[in-house]
Amino acid sequence: MLIESSTHALNSARALLPAFAPHSLAVQLPDLAGVLLTTAIFTVFGLLVFGLAYLIIVKASPFSIRKEIEDDQNTALAIIIGSVIIGVALIIAAAVHG
């Protein structure tokens, strides 16, 4: 009985898959170069923005970020920097998504 219900659930999920992922979203082979180029550009852009955000944090803080996190084990500072990185990632993702 359990196997039959699992099989039925799997078949139902497979039936719904085309509704959520239409073929129009698939990348065709002739368009692949453009998609890869766009991906590379956004990757470089994202890395530059992350680097710039980290440099701003380092320059704006009156203490050594490296010393505080590595030597003094300042977990609160690590959480703040991680939060900034996640925030920048969300902004970049929204910009890429349009």
PDB file of N, CA and C in Angstrom:
ATOM      1  N   MET A   1       0.818  -1.191   0.000  1.00  0.00           N
ATOM      2  CA  MET A   1       0.000   0.000   0.000  1.00  0.00           C
ATOM      3  C   MET A   1       0.861   1.254   0.000  1.00  0.00           C
ATOM      4  N   LEU A   2       1.921   1.246   0.799  1.00  0.00           N
ATOM      5  CA  LEU A   2       2.799   2.406   0.878  1.00  0.00           C
ATOM      6  C   LEU A   2       3.511   2.641  -0.444  1.00  0.00           C
ATOM      7  N   ILE A   3       3.934   1.562  -1.092  1.00  0.00           N
ATOM      8  CA  ILE A   3       4.637   1.683  -2.369  1.00  0.00           C
ATOM      9  C   ILE A   3       3.700   2.228  -3.439  1.00  0.00           C
ATOM     10  N   GLU A   4       2.447   1.778  -3.429  1.00  0.00           N
ATOM     11  CA  GLU A   4       1.483   2.263  -4.413  1.00  0.00           C
ATOM     12  C   GLU A   4       1.204   3.744  -4.224  1.00  0.00           C
ATOM     13  N   SER A   5       1.058   4.194  -2.982  1.00  0.00           N
ATOM     14  CA  SER A   5       0.789   5.611  -2.743  1.00  0.00           C
ATOM     15  C   SER A   5       2.010   6.460  -3.074  1.00  0.00           C
ATOM     16  N   SER A   6       3.203   5.939  -2.815  1.00  0.00           N
ATOM     17  CA  SER A   6       4.418   6.667  -3.172  1.00  0.00           C
ATOM     18  C   SER A   6       4.544   6.790  -4.683  1.00  0.00           C
ATOM     19  N   THR A   7       4.234   5.725  -5.394  1.00  0.00           N
ATOM     20  CA  THR A   7       4.284   5.750  -6.856  1.00  0.00           C
ATOM     21  C   THR A   7       3.260   6.727  -7.408  1.00  0.00           C
ATOM     22  N   HIS A   8       2.069   6.743  -6.822  1.00  0.00           N
ATOM     23  CA  HIS A   8       1.031   7.671  -7.259  1.00  0.00           C
ATOM     24  C   HIS A   8       1.467   9.119  -7.016  1.00  0.00           C
ATOM     25  N   ALA A   9       2.065   9.388  -5.860  1.00  0.00           N
ATOM     26  CA  ALA A   9       2.528  10.739  -5.556  1.00  0.00           C
ATOM     27  C   ALA A   9       3.629  11.166  -6.520  1.00  0.00           C
ATOM     28  N   LEU A  10       4.534  10.253  -6.844  1.00  0.00           N
ATOM     29  CA  LEU A  10       5.616  10.563  -7.771  1.00  0.00           C
ATOM     30  C   LEU A  10       5.073  10.848  -9.165  1.00  0.00           C
ATOM     31  N   ASN A  11       4.119  10.053  -9.608  1.00  0.00           N
ATOM     32  CA  ASN A  11       3.515  10.285 -10.924  1.00  0.00           C
ATOM     33  C   ASN A  11       2.752  11.603 -10.955  1.00  0.00           C
ATOM     34  N   SER A  12       2.102  11.963  -9.868  1.00  0.00           N
ATOM     35  CA  SER A  12       1.395  13.243  -9.798  1.00  0.00           C
ATOM     36  C   SER A  12       2.377  14.401  -9.870  1.00  0.00           C
ATOM     37  N   ALA A  13       3.499  14.267  -9.188  1.00  0.00           N
ATOM     38  CA  ALA A  13       4.518  15.316  -9.228  1.00  0.00           C
ATOM     39  C   ALA A  13       5.103  15.453 -10.627  1.00  0.00           C
ATOM     40  N   ARG A  14       5.324  14.340 -11.301  1.00  0.00           N
ATOM     41  CA  ARG A  14       5.842  14.389 -12.675  1.00  0.00           C
ATOM     42  C   ARG A  14       4.832  15.037 -13.617  1.00  0.00           C
ATOM     43  N   ALA A  15       3.556  14.828 -13.360  1.00  0.00           N
ATOM     44  CA  ALA A  15       2.526  15.432 -14.206  1.00  0.00           C
ATOM     45  C   ALA A  15       2.489  16.946 -14.021  1.00  0.00           C
ATOM     46  N   LEU A  16       2.799  17.431 -12.826  1.00  0.00           N
ATOM     47  CA  LEU A  16       2.788  18.866 -12.560  1.00  0.00           C
ATOM     48  C   LEU A  16       4.061  19.565 -13.013  1.00  0.00           C
ATOM     49  N   LEU A  17       5.128  18.833 -13.232  1.00  0.00           N
ATOM     50  CA  LEU A  17       6.416  19.439 -13.564  1.00  0.00           C
ATOM     51  C   LEU A  17       6.364  20.326 -14.798  1.00  0.00           C
ATOM     52  N   PRO A  18       5.747  19.919 -15.912  1.00  0.00           N
ATOM     53  CA  PRO A  18       5.721  20.818 -17.069  1.00  0.00           C
ATOM     54  C   PRO A  18       4.984  22.125 -16.805  1.00  0.00           C
ATOM     55  N   ALA A  19       4.039  22.130 -15.883  1.00  0.00           N
ATOM     56  CA  ALA A  19       3.319  23.360 -15.575  1.00  0.00           C
ATOM     57  C   ALA A  19       4.222  24.367 -14.872  1.00  0.00           C
ATOM     58  N   PHE A  20       5.172  23.886 -14.083  1.00  0.00           N
ATOM     59  CA  PHE A  20       6.052  24.783 -13.348  1.00  0.00           C
ATOM     60  C   PHE A  20       7.345  25.091 -14.093  1.00  0.00           C
ATOM     61  N   ALA A  21       7.738  24.262 -15.022  1.00  0.00           N
ATOM     62  CA  ALA A  21       8.978  24.469 -15.765  1.00  0.00           C
ATOM     63  C   ALA A  21       8.719  24.268 -17.253  1.00  0.00           C
ATOM     64  N   PRO A  22       8.135  25.269 -17.904  1.00  0.00           N
ATOM     65  CA  PRO A  22       7.851  25.111 -19.333  1.00  0.00           C
ATOM     66  C   PRO A  22       9.133  25.064 -20.157  1.00  0.00           C
ATOM     67  N   HIS A  23       9.032  24.503 -21.351  1.00  0.00           N
ATOM     68  CA  HIS A  23      10.205  24.373 -22.216  1.00  0.00           C
ATOM     69  C   HIS A  23      10.756  25.725 -22.642  1.00  0.00           C
ATOM     70  N   SER A  24       9.962  26.776 -22.594  1.00  0.00           N
ATOM     71  CA  SER A  24      10.441  28.086 -23.017  1.00  0.00           C
ATOM     72  C   SER A  24      11.561  28.600 -22.110  1.00  0.00           C
ATOM     73  N   LEU A  25      11.678  28.060 -20.900  1.00  0.00           N
ATOM     74  CA  LEU A  25      12.748  28.473 -19.999  1.00  0.00           C
ATOM     75  C   LEU A  25      14.056  27.751 -20.287  1.00  0.00           C
ATOM     76  N   ALA A  26      14.009  26.681 -21.055  1.00  0.00           N
ATOM     77  CA  ALA A  26      15.222  25.934 -21.370  1.00  0.00           C
ATOM     78  C   ALA A  26      16.063  26.733 -22.356  1.00  0.00           C
ATOM     79  N   VAL A  27      17.377  26.659 -22.197  1.00  0.00           N
ATOM     80  CA  VAL A  27      18.294  27.380 -23.073  1.00  0.00           C
ATOM     81  C   VAL A  27      18.608  26.493 -24.271  1.00  0.00           C
ATOM     82  N   GLN A  28      18.392  27.029 -25.438  1.00  0.00           N
ATOM     83  CA  GLN A  28      18.707  26.305 -26.660  1.00  0.00           C
ATOM     84  C   GLN A  28      20.198  26.430 -26.943  1.00  0.00           C
ATOM     85  N   LEU A  29      20.760  25.494 -27.672  1.00  0.00           N
ATOM     86  CA  LEU A  29      22.197  25.448 -27.929  1.00  0.00           C
ATOM     87  C   LEU A  29      22.727  26.708 -28.612  1.00  0.00           C
ATOM     88  N   PRO A  30      22.050  27.291 -29.610  1.00  0.00           N
ATOM     89  CA  PRO A  30      22.592  28.520 -30.217  1.00  0.00           C
ATOM     90  C   PRO A  30      22.649  29.701 -29.247  1.00  0.00           C
ATOM     91  N   ASP A  31      21.784  29.713 -28.240  1.00  0.00           N
ATOM     92  CA  ASP A  31      21.755  30.809 -27.272  1.00  0.00           C
ATOM     93  C   ASP A  31      22.697  30.588 -26.102  1.00  0.00           C
ATOM     94  N   LEU A  32      23.349  29.445 -26.047  1.00  0.00           N
ATOM     95  CA  LEU A  32      24.160  29.086 -24.887  1.00  0.00           C
ATOM     96  C   LEU A  32      25.335  30.036 -24.683  1.00  0.00           C
ATOM     97  N   ALA A  33      25.982  30.463 -25.756  1.00  0.00           N
ATOM     98  CA  ALA A  33      27.139  31.355 -25.631  1.00  0.00           C
ATOM     99  C   ALA A  33      26.734  32.678 -24.989  1.00  0.00           C
ATOM    100  N   GLY A  34      25.605  33.227 -25.399  1.00  0.00           N
ATOM    101  CA  GLY A  34      25.138  34.482 -24.818  1.00  0.00           C
ATOM    102  C   GLY A  34      24.788  34.344 -23.349  1.00  0.00           C
ATOM    103  N   VAL A  35      24.166  33.238 -23.003  1.00  0.00           N
ATOM    104  CA  VAL A  35      23.796  32.994 -21.608  1.00  0.00           C
ATOM    105  C   VAL A  35      25.045  32.828 -20.745  1.00  0.00           C
ATOM    106  N   LEU A  36      26.029  32.095 -21.255  1.00  0.00           N
ATOM    107  CA  LEU A  36      27.279  31.916 -20.504  1.00  0.00           C
ATOM    108  C   LEU A  36      28.024  33.234 -20.344  1.00  0.00           C
ATOM    109  N   LEU A  37      28.026  34.068 -21.388  1.00  0.00           N
ATOM    110  CA  LEU A  37      28.681  35.375 -21.296  1.00  0.00           C
ATOM    111  C   LEU A  37      27.984  36.258 -20.263  1.00  0.00           C
ATOM    112  N   THR A  38      26.669  36.272 -20.289  1.00  0.00           N
ATOM    113  CA  THR A  38      25.913  37.056 -19.306  1.00  0.00           C
ATOM    114  C   THR A  38      26.178  36.554 -17.891  1.00  0.00           C
ATOM    115  N   THR A  39      26.234  35.251 -17.723  1.00  0.00           N
ATOM    116  CA  THR A  39      26.527  34.674 -16.411  1.00  0.00           C
ATOM    117  C   THR A  39      27.913  35.083 -15.936  1.00  0.00           C
ATOM    118  N   ALA A  40      28.887  35.041 -16.826  1.00  0.00           N
ATOM    119  CA  ALA A  40      30.251  35.440 -16.459  1.00  0.00           C
ATOM    120  C   ALA A  40      30.312  36.913 -16.087  1.00  0.00           C
ATOM    121  N   ILE A  41      29.600  37.759 -16.813  1.00  0.00           N
ATOM    122  CA  ILE A  41      29.593  39.195 -16.511  1.00  0.00           C
ATOM    123  C   ILE A  41      28.978  39.446 -15.141  1.00  0.00           C
ATOM    124  N   PHE A  42      27.843  38.818 -14.858  1.00  0.00           N
ATOM    125  CA  PHE A  42      27.211  39.016 -13.557  1.00  0.00           C
ATOM    126  C   PHE A  42      28.046  38.420 -12.428  1.00  0.00           C
ATOM    127  N   THR A  43      28.781  37.355 -12.696  1.00  0.00           N
ATOM    128  CA  THR A  43      29.664  36.777 -11.679  1.00  0.00           C
ATOM    129  C   THR A  43      30.778  37.746 -11.326  1.00  0.00           C
ATOM    130  N   VAL A  44      31.413  38.313 -12.345  1.00  0.00           N
ATOM    131  CA  VAL A  44      32.488  39.288 -12.104  1.00  0.00           C
ATOM    132  C   VAL A  44      31.929  40.518 -11.392  1.00  0.00           C
ATOM    133  N   PHE A  45      30.759  40.982 -11.828  1.00  0.00           N
ATOM    134  CA  PHE A  45      30.125  42.128 -11.182  1.00  0.00           C
ATOM    135  C   PHE A  45      29.835  41.840  -9.705  1.00  0.00           C
ATOM    136  N   GLY A  46      29.303  40.668  -9.417  1.00  0.00           N
ATOM    137  CA  GLY A  46      29.004  40.302  -8.032  1.00  0.00           C
ATOM    138  C   GLY A  46      30.250  40.224  -7.175  1.00  0.00           C
ATOM    139  N   LEU A  47      31.322  39.636  -7.710  1.00  0.00           N
ATOM    140  CA  LEU A  47      32.573  39.550  -6.950  1.00  0.00           C
ATOM    141  C   LEU A  47      33.160  40.930  -6.689  1.00  0.00           C
ATOM    142  N   LEU A  48      33.068  41.826  -7.668  1.00  0.00           N
ATOM    143  CA  LEU A  48      33.562  43.192  -7.466  1.00  0.00           C
ATOM    144  C   LEU A  48      32.756  43.923  -6.392  1.00  0.00           C
ATOM    145  N   VAL A  49      31.448  43.745  -6.406  1.00  0.00           N
ATOM    146  CA  VAL A  49      30.609  44.396  -5.392  1.00  0.00           C
ATOM    147  C   VAL A  49      30.898  43.822  -4.008  1.00  0.00           C
ATOM    148  N   PHE A  50      31.091  42.500  -3.911  1.00  0.00           N
ATOM    149  CA  PHE A  50      31.445  41.896  -2.624  1.00  0.00           C
ATOM    150  C   PHE A  50      32.784  42.433  -2.126  1.00  0.00           C
ATOM    151  N   GLY A  51      33.765  42.517  -3.012  1.00  0.00           N
ATOM    152  CA  GLY A  51      35.070  43.054  -2.627  1.00  0.00           C
ATOM    153  C   GLY A  51      34.975  44.498  -2.181  1.00  0.00           C
ATOM    154  N   LEU A  52      34.186  45.293  -2.899  1.00  0.00           N
ATOM    155  CA  LEU A  52      33.999  46.696  -2.531  1.00  0.00           C
ATOM    156  C   LEU A  52      33.305  46.818  -1.176  1.00  0.00           C
ATOM    157  N   ALA A  53      32.298  46.001  -0.927  1.00  0.00           N
ATOM    158  CA  ALA A  53      31.606  46.037   0.367  1.00  0.00           C
ATOM    159  C   ALA A  53      32.557  45.670   1.497  1.00  0.00           C
ATOM    160  N   TYR A  54      33.403  44.668   1.274  1.00  0.00           N
ATOM    161  CA  TYR A  54      34.357  44.275   2.314  1.00  0.00           C
ATOM    162  C   TYR A  54      35.378  45.386   2.558  1.00  0.00           C
ATOM    163  N   LEU A  55      35.863  46.018   1.490  1.00  0.00           N
ATOM    164  CA  LEU A  55      36.816  47.121   1.661  1.00  0.00           C
ATOM    165  C   LEU A  55      36.191  48.287   2.421  1.00  0.00           C
ATOM    166  N   ILE A  56      34.936  48.578   2.148  1.00  0.00           N
ATOM    167  CA  ILE A  56      34.256  49.655   2.875  1.00  0.00           C
ATOM    168  C   ILE A  56      34.148  49.310   4.353  1.00  0.00           C
ATOM    169  N   ILE A  57      33.830  48.064   4.666  1.00  0.00           N
ATOM    170  CA  ILE A  57      33.743  47.644   6.068  1.00  0.00           C
ATOM    171  C   ILE A  57      35.099  47.770   6.744  1.00  0.00           C
ATOM    172  N   VAL A  58      36.155  47.333   6.075  1.00  0.00           N
ATOM    173  CA  VAL A  58      37.499  47.377   6.661  1.00  0.00           C
ATOM    174  C   VAL A  58      37.940  48.816   6.877  1.00  0.00           C
ATOM    175  N   LYS A  59      37.703  49.687   5.894  1.00  0.00           N
ATOM    176  CA  LYS A  59      38.133  51.087   6.009  1.00  0.00           C
ATOM    177  C   LYS A  59      37.290  51.859   7.023  1.00  0.00           C
ATOM    178  N   ALA A  60      36.023  51.512   7.161  1.00  0.00           N
ATOM    179  CA  ALA A  60      35.141  52.253   8.062  1.00  0.00           C
ATOM    180  C   ALA A  60      35.309  51.842   9.519  1.00  0.00           C
ATOM    181  N   SER A  61      35.833  50.666   9.771  1.00  0.00           N
ATOM    182  CA  SER A  61      35.962  50.215  11.159  1.00  0.00           C
ATOM    183  C   SER A  61      37.251  50.757  11.774  1.00  0.00           C
ATOM    184  N   PRO A  62      37.184  51.179  13.030  1.00  0.00           N
ATOM    185  CA  PRO A  62      38.371  51.739  13.686  1.00  0.00           C
ATOM    186  C   PRO A  62      39.320  50.672  14.239  1.00  0.00           C
ATOM    187  N   PHE A  63      39.036  49.414  14.002  1.00  0.00           N
ATOM    188  CA  PHE A  63      39.860  48.323  14.526  1.00  0.00           C
ATOM    189  C   PHE A  63      40.138  47.334  13.409  1.00  0.00           C
ATOM    190  N   SER A  64      41.024  46.395  13.669  1.00  0.00           N
ATOM    191  CA  SER A  64      41.385  45.392  12.677  1.00  0.00           C
ATOM    192  C   SER A  64      40.327  44.283  12.651  1.00  0.00           C
ATOM    193  N   ILE A  65      39.678  44.156  11.519  1.00  0.00           N
ATOM    194  CA  ILE A  65      38.653  43.118  11.358  1.00  0.00           C
ATOM    195  C   ILE A  65      39.282  41.735  11.513  1.00  0.00           C
ATOM    196  N   ARG A  66      40.428  41.545  10.885  1.00  0.00           N
ATOM    197  CA  ARG A  66      41.101  40.239  10.931  1.00  0.00           C
ATOM    198  C   ARG A  66      41.459  39.865  12.367  1.00  0.00           C
ATOM    199  N   LYS A  67      42.003  40.818  13.133  1.00  0.00           N
ATOM    200  CA  LYS A  67      42.392  40.535  14.516  1.00  0.00           C
ATOM    201  C   LYS A  67      41.167  40.212  15.368  1.00  0.00           C
ATOM    202  N   GLU A  68      40.110  40.979  15.189  1.00  0.00           N
ATOM    203  CA  GLU A  68      38.903  40.772  15.991  1.00  0.00           C
ATOM    204  C   GLU A  68      38.283  39.398  15.746  1.00  0.00           C
ATOM    205  N   ILE A  69      38.227  38.973  14.480  1.00  0.00           N
ATOM    206  CA  ILE A  69      37.573  37.705  14.172  1.00  0.00           C
ATOM    207  C   ILE A  69      38.491  36.521  14.444  1.00  0.00           C
ATOM    208  N   GLU A  70      39.761  36.617  14.008  1.00  0.00           N
ATOM    209  CA  GLU A  70      40.659  35.463  14.131  1.00  0.00           C
ATOM    210  C   GLU A  70      41.247  35.323  15.530  1.00  0.00           C
ATOM    211  N   ASP A  71      41.815  36.398  16.054  1.00  0.00           N
ATOM    212  CA  ASP A  71      42.517  36.301  17.335  1.00  0.00           C
ATOM    213  C   ASP A  71      41.570  36.378  18.532  1.00  0.00           C
ATOM    214  N   ASP A  72      40.685  37.378  18.516  1.00  0.00           N
ATOM    215  CA  ASP A  72      39.806  37.597  19.666  1.00  0.00           C
ATOM    216  C   ASP A  72      38.522  36.770  19.604  1.00  0.00           C
ATOM    217  N   GLN A  73      38.300  36.054  18.501  1.00  0.00           N
ATOM    218  CA  GLN A  73      37.107  35.215  18.325  1.00  0.00           C
ATOM    219  C   GLN A  73      35.813  36.012  18.539  1.00  0.00           C
ATOM    220  N   ASN A  74      35.751  37.193  17.936  1.00  0.00           N
ATOM    221  CA  ASN A  74      34.594  38.068  18.074  1.00  0.00           C
ATOM    222  C   ASN A  74      33.467  37.562  17.160  1.00  0.00           C
ATOM    223  N   THR A  75      32.586  36.769  17.726  1.00  0.00           N
ATOM    224  CA  THR A  75      31.499  36.167  16.961  1.00  0.00           C
ATOM    225  C   THR A  75      30.490  37.207  16.496  1.00  0.00           C
ATOM    226  N   ALA A  76      30.236  38.218  17.304  1.00  0.00           N
ATOM    227  CA  ALA A  76      29.265  39.245  16.932  1.00  0.00           C
ATOM    228  C   ALA A  76      29.709  39.986  15.674  1.00  0.00           C
ATOM    229  N   LEU A  77      30.980  40.305  15.583  1.00  0.00           N
ATOM    230  CA  LEU A  77      31.495  40.984  14.395  1.00  0.00           C
ATOM    231  C   LEU A  77      31.402  40.078  13.173  1.00  0.00           C
ATOM    232  N   ALA A  78      31.690  38.808  13.350  1.00  0.00           N
ATOM    233  CA  ALA A  78      31.580  37.868  12.234  1.00  0.00           C
ATOM    234  C   ALA A  78      30.135  37.759  11.752  1.00  0.00           C
ATOM    235  N   ILE A  79      29.177  37.792  12.670  1.00  0.00           N
ATOM    236  CA  ILE A  79      27.764  37.736  12.297  1.00  0.00           C
ATOM    237  C   ILE A  79      27.367  39.000  11.544  1.00  0.00           C
ATOM    238  N   ILE A  80      27.855  40.155  11.986  1.00  0.00           N
ATOM    239  CA  ILE A  80      27.539  41.413  11.301  1.00  0.00           C
ATOM    240  C   ILE A  80      28.100  41.409   9.885  1.00  0.00           C
ATOM    241  N   ILE A  81      29.339  40.983   9.721  1.00  0.00           N
ATOM    242  CA  ILE A  81      29.940  40.947   8.388  1.00  0.00           C
ATOM    243  C   ILE A  81      29.219  39.922   7.514  1.00  0.00           C
ATOM    244  N   GLY A  82      28.859  38.788   8.081  1.00  0.00           N
ATOM    245  CA  GLY A  82      28.080  37.807   7.327  1.00  0.00           C
ATOM    246  C   GLY A  82      26.730  38.359   6.902  1.00  0.00           C
ATOM    247  N   SER A  83      26.105  39.148   7.770  1.00  0.00           N
ATOM    248  CA  SER A  83      24.824  39.766   7.433  1.00  0.00           C
ATOM    249  C   SER A  83      24.974  40.764   6.298  1.00  0.00           C
ATOM    250  N   VAL A  84      26.053  41.523   6.314  1.00  0.00           N
ATOM    251  CA  VAL A  84      26.307  42.468   5.220  1.00  0.00           C
ATOM    252  C   VAL A  84      26.497  41.708   3.909  1.00  0.00           C
ATOM    253  N   ILE A  85      27.231  40.611   3.957  1.00  0.00           N
ATOM    254  CA  ILE A  85      27.462  39.817   2.751  1.00  0.00           C
ATOM    255  C   ILE A  85      26.147  39.241   2.228  1.00  0.00           C
ATOM    256  N   ILE A  86      25.294  38.752   3.113  1.00  0.00           N
ATOM    257  CA  ILE A  86      23.993  38.226   2.684  1.00  0.00           C
ATOM    258  C   ILE A  86      23.133  39.347   2.104  1.00  0.00           C
ATOM    259  N   GLY A  87      23.173  40.529   2.725  1.00  0.00           N
ATOM    260  CA  GLY A  87      22.420  41.671   2.200  1.00  0.00           C
ATOM    261  C   GLY A  87      22.877  42.069   0.812  1.00  0.00           C
ATOM    262  N   VAL A  88      24.184  42.118   0.602  1.00  0.00           N
ATOM    263  CA  VAL A  88      24.717  42.440  -0.726  1.00  0.00           C
ATOM    264  C   VAL A  88      24.315  41.357  -1.723  1.00  0.00           C
ATOM    265  N   ALA A  89      24.337  40.107  -1.294  1.00  0.00           N
ATOM    266  CA  ALA A  89      23.939  39.011  -2.182  1.00  0.00           C
ATOM    267  C   ALA A  89      22.475  39.142  -2.594  1.00  0.00           C
ATOM    268  N   LEU A  90      21.606  39.526  -1.666  1.00  0.00           N
ATOM    269  CA  LEU A  90      20.193  39.713  -2.002  1.00  0.00           C
ATOM    270  C   LEU A  90      19.997  40.866  -2.982  1.00  0.00           C
ATOM    271  N   ILE A  91      20.757  41.946  -2.801  1.00  0.00           N
ATOM    272  CA  ILE A  91      20.660  43.086  -3.713  1.00  0.00           C
ATOM    273  C   ILE A  91      21.136  42.696  -5.108  1.00  0.00           C
ATOM    274  N   ILE A  92      22.249  41.974  -5.181  1.00  0.00           N
ATOM    275  CA  ILE A  92      22.766  41.538  -6.481  1.00  0.00           C
ATOM    276  C   ILE A  92      21.791  40.570  -7.143  1.00  0.00           C
ATOM    277  N   ALA A  93      21.220  39.660  -6.365  1.00  0.00           N
ATOM    278  CA  ALA A  93      20.257  38.708  -6.928  1.00  0.00           C
ATOM    279  C   ALA A  93      19.027  39.426  -7.475  1.00  0.00           C
ATOM    280  N   ALA A  94      18.568  40.454  -6.771  1.00  0.00           N
ATOM    281  CA  ALA A  94      17.417  41.216  -7.259  1.00  0.00           C
ATOM    282  C   ALA A  94      17.773  41.982  -8.529  1.00  0.00           C
ATOM    283  N   ALA A  95      18.995  42.502  -8.606  1.00  0.00           N
ATOM    284  CA  ALA A  95      19.420  43.219  -9.809  1.00  0.00           C
ATOM    285  C   ALA A  95      19.548  42.275 -10.998  1.00  0.00           C
ATOM    286  N   VAL A  96      20.066  41.088 -10.770  1.00  0.00           N
ATOM    287  CA  VAL A  96      20.223  40.114 -11.852  1.00  0.00           C
ATOM    288  C   VAL A  96      18.858  39.613 -12.317  1.00  0.00           C
ATOM    289  N   HIS A  97      17.973  39.375 -11.370  1.00  0.00           N
ATOM    290  CA  HIS A  97      16.655  38.834 -11.706  1.00  0.00           C
ATOM    291  C   HIS A  97      15.802  39.852 -12.457  1.00  0.00           C
ATOM    292  N   GLY A  98      16.032  41.122 -12.171  1.00  0.00           N
ATOM    293  CA  GLY A  98      15.309  42.175 -12.890  1.00  0.00           C
ATOM    294  C   GLY A  98      14.101  42.555 -12.164  1.00  0.00           C
TER     295      GLY A  98
END
